[in-house]
Amino acid sequence: MSGQKFDYTLIPHIRRSRNLNQEDFADKCGISRSTLAGIESGSIPLTPLYYGKINDGLRRIRYSQFELDALKKMQIYRKRLGYGK
């Protein structure tokens, strides 16, 4: 499976869909909880290194491209309705 495409705004939704807190998902990704929190808030850039680690985490929790595409569509729909992130 090649890398999945996502941006930092999707990460909290992804982990919540698997009932994972930041600590648990950070562990799956091989990064610290504080780093994950920074990425989720946008205060730490989603560099290629972190992107790869989060992609590894997505594979570990078996998050499919289909689920990611559905989440992206839902986010676009929510923005159109004026719900923000």
C-alpha atoms as a PDB file:
ATOM      1  CA  MET A   1       0.000   0.000   0.000  1.00  0.00           C
ATOM      2  CA  SER A   2       1.411   3.357  -0.944  1.00  0.00           C
ATOM      3  CA  GLY A   3       1.183   6.351   1.362  1.00  0.00           C
ATOM      4  CA  GLN A   4      -2.216   7.836   2.003  1.00  0.00           C
ATOM      5  CA  LYS A   5      -2.781  11.548   1.409  1.00  0.00           C
ATOM      6  CA  PHE A   6      -4.088  13.660   4.266  1.00  0.00           C
ATOM      7  CA  ASP A   7      -3.485  16.950   6.021  1.00  0.00           C
ATOM      8  CA  TYR A   8      -3.105  17.760   9.681  1.00  0.00           C
ATOM      9  CA  THR A   9      -6.769  18.741  10.083  1.00  0.00           C
ATOM     10  CA  LEU A  10      -7.857  15.145   9.482  1.00  0.00           C
ATOM     11  CA  ILE A  11      -5.639  13.529  12.115  1.00  0.00           C
ATOM     12  CA  PRO A  12      -7.912  14.095  15.149  1.00  0.00           C
ATOM     13  CA  HIS A  13     -10.896  12.730  13.205  1.00  0.00           C
ATOM     14  CA  ILE A  14      -8.901   9.690  12.102  1.00  0.00           C
ATOM     15  CA  ARG A  15      -7.779   8.752  15.606  1.00  0.00           C
ATOM     16  CA  ARG A  16     -11.216   9.424  17.150  1.00  0.00           C
ATOM     17  CA  SER A  17     -12.807   7.134  14.569  1.00  0.00           C
ATOM     18  CA  ARG A  18     -10.695   4.342  16.089  1.00  0.00           C
ATOM     19  CA  ASN A  19     -11.359   5.493  19.680  1.00  0.00           C
ATOM     20  CA  LEU A  20      -7.694   6.355  20.167  1.00  0.00           C
ATOM     21  CA  ASN A  21      -6.460   9.164  22.371  1.00  0.00           C
ATOM     22  CA  GLN A  22      -3.392  11.174  21.411  1.00  0.00           C
ATOM     23  CA  GLU A  23      -1.090   9.020  23.523  1.00  0.00           C
ATOM     24  CA  ASP A  24      -2.242   5.759  21.908  1.00  0.00           C
ATOM     25  CA  PHE A  25      -2.143   7.054  18.339  1.00  0.00           C
ATOM     26  CA  ALA A  26       1.234   8.728  18.883  1.00  0.00           C
ATOM     27  CA  ASP A  27       2.552   5.368  20.084  1.00  0.00           C
ATOM     28  CA  LYS A  28       1.269   3.688  16.893  1.00  0.00           C
ATOM     29  CA  CYS A  29       3.027   6.398  14.859  1.00  0.00           C
ATOM     30  CA  GLY A  30       6.297   6.262  16.789  1.00  0.00           C
ATOM     31  CA  ILE A  31       6.182   9.907  17.892  1.00  0.00           C
ATOM     32  CA  SER A  32       5.559  11.626  21.211  1.00  0.00           C
ATOM     33  CA  ARG A  33       2.113  12.712  22.336  1.00  0.00           C
ATOM     34  CA  SER A  34       3.263  16.337  22.482  1.00  0.00           C
ATOM     35  CA  THR A  35       4.495  16.153  18.888  1.00  0.00           C
ATOM     36  CA  LEU A  36       1.184  14.688  17.750  1.00  0.00           C
ATOM     37  CA  ALA A  37      -0.714  17.393  19.657  1.00  0.00           C
ATOM     38  CA  GLY A  38       1.414  20.046  17.939  1.00  0.00           C
ATOM     39  CA  ILE A  39       0.806  18.542  14.510  1.00  0.00           C
ATOM     40  CA  GLU A  40      -2.935  18.324  15.148  1.00  0.00           C
ATOM     41  CA  SER A  41      -3.080  21.971  16.213  1.00  0.00           C
ATOM     42  CA  GLY A  42      -0.914  23.127  13.312  1.00  0.00           C
ATOM     43  CA  SER A  43       1.825  24.512  15.555  1.00  0.00           C
ATOM     44  CA  ILE A  44       4.263  21.801  14.393  1.00  0.00           C
ATOM     45  CA  PRO A  45       4.495  21.462  10.602  1.00  0.00           C
ATOM     46  CA  LEU A  46       3.597  18.138   9.023  1.00  0.00           C
ATOM     47  CA  THR A  47       7.073  17.555   7.591  1.00  0.00           C
ATOM     48  CA  PRO A  48       7.836  14.582   5.329  1.00  0.00           C
ATOM     49  CA  LEU A  49       9.301  12.775   8.374  1.00  0.00           C
ATOM     50  CA  TYR A  50       6.148  13.207  10.464  1.00  0.00           C
ATOM     51  CA  TYR A  51       3.944  12.537   7.445  1.00  0.00           C
ATOM     52  CA  GLY A  52       5.676   9.182   6.995  1.00  0.00           C
ATOM     53  CA  LYS A  53       5.384   8.302  10.670  1.00  0.00           C
ATOM     54  CA  ILE A  54       1.680   9.123  10.720  1.00  0.00           C
ATOM     55  CA  ASN A  55       1.214   7.094   7.557  1.00  0.00           C
ATOM     56  CA  ASP A  56       2.889   4.194   9.373  1.00  0.00           C
ATOM     57  CA  GLY A  57       0.405   4.693  12.204  1.00  0.00           C
ATOM     58  CA  LEU A  58      -2.485   4.619   9.734  1.00  0.00           C
ATOM     59  CA  ARG A  59      -1.259   1.282   8.440  1.00  0.00           C
ATOM     60  CA  ARG A  60      -0.947  -0.055  11.980  1.00  0.00           C
ATOM     61  CA  ILE A  61      -4.558   0.853  12.788  1.00  0.00           C
ATOM     62  CA  ARG A  62      -5.635  -0.421   9.349  1.00  0.00           C
ATOM     63  CA  TYR A  63      -7.121   2.887   8.247  1.00  0.00           C
ATOM     64  CA  SER A  64      -8.109   2.371   4.613  1.00  0.00           C
ATOM     65  CA  GLN A  65      -7.942   4.766   1.700  1.00  0.00           C
ATOM     66  CA  PHE A  66     -11.717   4.383   1.402  1.00  0.00           C
ATOM     67  CA  GLU A  67     -12.163   5.639   4.989  1.00  0.00           C
ATOM     68  CA  LEU A  68      -9.776   8.515   4.362  1.00  0.00           C
ATOM     69  CA  ASP A  69     -11.594   9.544   1.183  1.00  0.00           C
ATOM     70  CA  ALA A  70     -14.945   9.436   3.009  1.00  0.00           C
ATOM     71  CA  LEU A  71     -13.533  11.578   5.813  1.00  0.00           C
ATOM     72  CA  LYS A  72     -12.209  14.128   3.306  1.00  0.00           C
ATOM     73  CA  LYS A  73     -15.617  14.331   1.627  1.00  0.00           C
ATOM     74  CA  MET A  74     -17.315  14.767   4.974  1.00  0.00           C
ATOM     75  CA  GLN A  75     -14.897  17.569   5.885  1.00  0.00           C
ATOM     76  CA  ILE A  76     -15.585  19.363   2.587  1.00  0.00           C
ATOM     77  CA  TYR A  77     -19.324  19.019   3.155  1.00  0.00           C
ATOM     78  CA  ARG A  78     -19.062  20.388   6.708  1.00  0.00           C
ATOM     79  CA  LYS A  79     -17.070  23.401   5.472  1.00  0.00           C
ATOM     80  CA  ARG A  80     -19.719  24.112   2.846  1.00  0.00           C
ATOM     81  CA  LEU A  81     -22.341  24.094   5.594  1.00  0.00           C
ATOM     82  CA  GLY A  82     -20.225  26.485   7.654  1.00  0.00           C
ATOM     83  CA  TYR A  83     -19.092  24.162  10.420  1.00  0.00           C
ATOM     84  CA  GLY A  84     -15.382  24.987  10.112  1.00  0.00           C
ATOM     85  CA  LYS A  85     -12.908  22.159  10.804  1.00  0.00           C
END
